[in-house]
Protein backbone atom coordinates (compact mmCIF):
# COMPACT_ATOMS: atom_id res chain seq x y z
CA MET A 1 -18.50 -0.81 -13.13
CA VAL A 2 -18.09 2.66 -14.58
CA ASP A 3 -16.68 3.84 -11.22
CA LEU A 4 -13.90 1.14 -11.59
CA GLY A 5 -12.96 2.55 -14.95
CA TYR A 6 -14.85 0.18 -17.13
CA LYS A 7 -16.63 1.46 -20.22
CA ILE A 8 -19.86 -0.36 -20.86
CA TYR A 9 -20.86 -1.04 -24.45
CA ALA A 10 -24.43 -2.24 -25.21
CA THR A 11 -26.55 -2.85 -28.27
CA ASP A 12 -29.89 -1.11 -28.66
CA THR A 13 -32.30 -2.91 -26.28
CA THR A 14 -29.72 -3.42 -23.60
CA ALA A 15 -28.52 0.19 -23.91
CA LYS A 16 -32.10 1.39 -23.51
CA PHE A 17 -32.56 -0.87 -20.46
CA LEU A 18 -29.32 0.46 -18.84
CA ASP A 19 -30.18 4.06 -19.59
CA GLU A 20 -33.49 3.54 -17.85
CA LYS A 21 -31.60 2.23 -14.82
CA LYS A 22 -29.29 5.32 -14.95
CA VAL A 23 -26.25 3.20 -15.99
CA ASN A 24 -23.90 5.07 -18.33
CA CYS A 25 -23.09 3.05 -21.50
CA VAL A 26 -22.04 3.48 -25.06
CA ALA A 27 -24.77 2.32 -27.53
CA ILE A 28 -23.28 0.28 -30.43
CA ARG A 29 -24.70 -1.36 -33.52
CA LYS A 30 -25.59 -5.03 -33.66
CA ALA A 31 -23.35 -7.42 -35.59
CA TYR A 32 -25.62 -7.47 -38.61
CA GLU A 33 -25.73 -3.70 -38.82
CA LYS A 34 -23.24 -1.51 -40.59
CA MET A 35 -19.75 -0.88 -39.17
CA PRO A 36 -18.60 0.11 -36.67
CA ASN A 37 -20.60 -2.43 -34.67
CA VAL A 38 -20.26 -4.83 -31.75
CA LEU A 39 -17.88 -7.11 -33.67
CA ASN A 40 -15.44 -4.27 -34.27
CA ILE A 41 -15.42 -3.45 -30.53
CA ILE A 42 -14.61 -7.05 -29.74
CA GLU A 43 -12.02 -7.51 -32.44
CA GLU A 44 -10.28 -4.35 -31.49
CA LYS A 45 -10.18 -5.70 -27.92
CA LYS A 46 -11.82 -2.66 -26.47
CA VAL A 47 -13.65 -4.92 -23.98
CA SER A 48 -12.36 -6.98 -21.07
CA PHE A 49 -15.26 -9.44 -21.18
CA VAL A 50 -18.51 -9.97 -23.06
CA VAL A 51 -21.97 -10.77 -21.65
CA ASN A 52 -24.25 -12.20 -24.32
CA LEU A 53 -27.64 -13.30 -23.15
CA SER A 54 -29.58 -14.60 -26.19
CA LYS A 55 -33.29 -14.73 -26.40
CA SER A 56 -34.79 -18.14 -27.05
CA PRO A 57 -36.96 -18.60 -30.16
CA SER A 58 -40.10 -18.66 -27.98
CA GLU A 59 -39.13 -15.29 -26.32
CA ILE A 60 -38.59 -13.77 -29.74
CA ILE A 61 -42.02 -14.92 -30.89
CA ALA A 62 -43.66 -13.85 -27.63
CA ASP A 63 -42.14 -10.38 -28.08
CA GLY A 64 -43.74 -10.17 -31.49
CA GLU A 65 -40.36 -10.12 -33.23
CA LYS A 66 -40.60 -13.29 -35.25
CA ASP A 67 -39.47 -11.50 -38.40
CA LYS A 68 -36.16 -10.67 -36.55
CA MET A 69 -35.51 -14.22 -35.37
CA ALA A 70 -32.70 -14.92 -37.96
CA HIS A 71 -30.98 -11.69 -36.93
CA TYR A 72 -31.15 -12.51 -33.21
CA ILE A 73 -29.79 -16.01 -33.68
CA SER A 74 -27.02 -15.13 -36.10
CA ASP A 75 -26.16 -11.86 -34.19
CA GLY A 76 -25.69 -13.73 -30.92
CA PHE A 77 -23.69 -16.46 -32.64
CA LYS A 78 -21.37 -13.90 -34.29
CA ILE A 79 -20.85 -12.07 -30.96
CA ARG A 80 -20.03 -15.29 -29.06
CA ARG A 81 -17.83 -16.58 -31.88
CA SER A 82 -15.91 -13.24 -32.03
CA ALA A 83 -15.33 -13.24 -28.25
CA VAL A 84 -14.03 -16.82 -28.31
CA ASP A 85 -11.85 -16.16 -31.41
CA ASN A 86 -10.33 -13.08 -29.81
CA GLN A 87 -9.75 -14.80 -26.46
CA ILE A 88 -12.08 -12.50 -24.54
CA PRO A 89 -13.97 -13.97 -21.60
CA LEU A 90 -17.63 -14.75 -22.49
CA PHE A 91 -20.60 -15.00 -20.20
CA THR A 92 -23.85 -16.45 -21.59
CA ASP A 93 -25.57 -17.09 -18.26
CA LEU A 94 -27.12 -14.22 -16.37
CA HIS A 95 -26.29 -15.63 -12.88
CA LEU A 96 -22.59 -16.27 -13.72
CA ALA A 97 -22.29 -12.79 -15.22
CA ARG A 98 -23.76 -11.20 -12.11
CA ALA A 99 -21.50 -13.23 -9.81
CA PHE A 100 -18.44 -12.22 -11.87
CA ILE A 101 -19.38 -8.52 -11.90
CA LYS A 102 -20.09 -8.57 -8.10
CA ALA A 103 -16.61 -10.14 -7.64
CA LEU A 104 -14.99 -7.39 -9.75
CA LEU A 105 -16.76 -4.81 -7.59
CA HIS A 106 -15.77 -6.51 -4.33
CA TYR A 107 -12.22 -7.67 -4.79
CA LYS A 108 -9.06 -5.83 -5.82
CA VAL A 109 -6.38 -7.63 -7.80
CA SER A 110 -4.08 -7.31 -4.76
CA ASP A 111 -6.67 -9.34 -2.75
CA LEU A 112 -6.33 -12.28 -5.05
CA GLU A 113 -3.89 -15.06 -4.50
CA ILE A 114 -2.83 -17.21 -7.44
CA LYS A 115 -2.88 -20.90 -6.61
CA SER A 116 -2.62 -24.12 -8.61
CA TYR A 117 -5.76 -26.22 -8.88
CA LYS A 118 -4.22 -28.75 -6.46
CA GLU A 119 -3.75 -26.05 -3.84
CA TYR A 120 -7.47 -25.18 -3.98
CA LEU A 121 -8.33 -28.81 -3.42
CA LYS A 122 -6.37 -28.88 -0.18
CA ASP A 123 -8.37 -25.93 1.30
């Protein structure tokens, strides 16, 4: 993604994970933390799309972070709401996000043909 000119923004845990995998990213604050934070990045339209994979309550408890549950739930909601409100594509499913990113890496805009929905049904 970085090679294609994308700048990757990630909050704390994701930024740490990406850093361990040698993926360059800019670490940003969570929505409930002081500004500038992830919501500012979205509202300023500094991103082309958002990937927000929320932990389930059982995952939060299993990770020993029960005291942070309200933050996780409200943070994810605020991020998703901001993406939708600012008309920025949002992925909440890991498999769909991977497929989209693989498509970005594989295809150029010039490779894509714009068709109506009816034209796709004919193929």
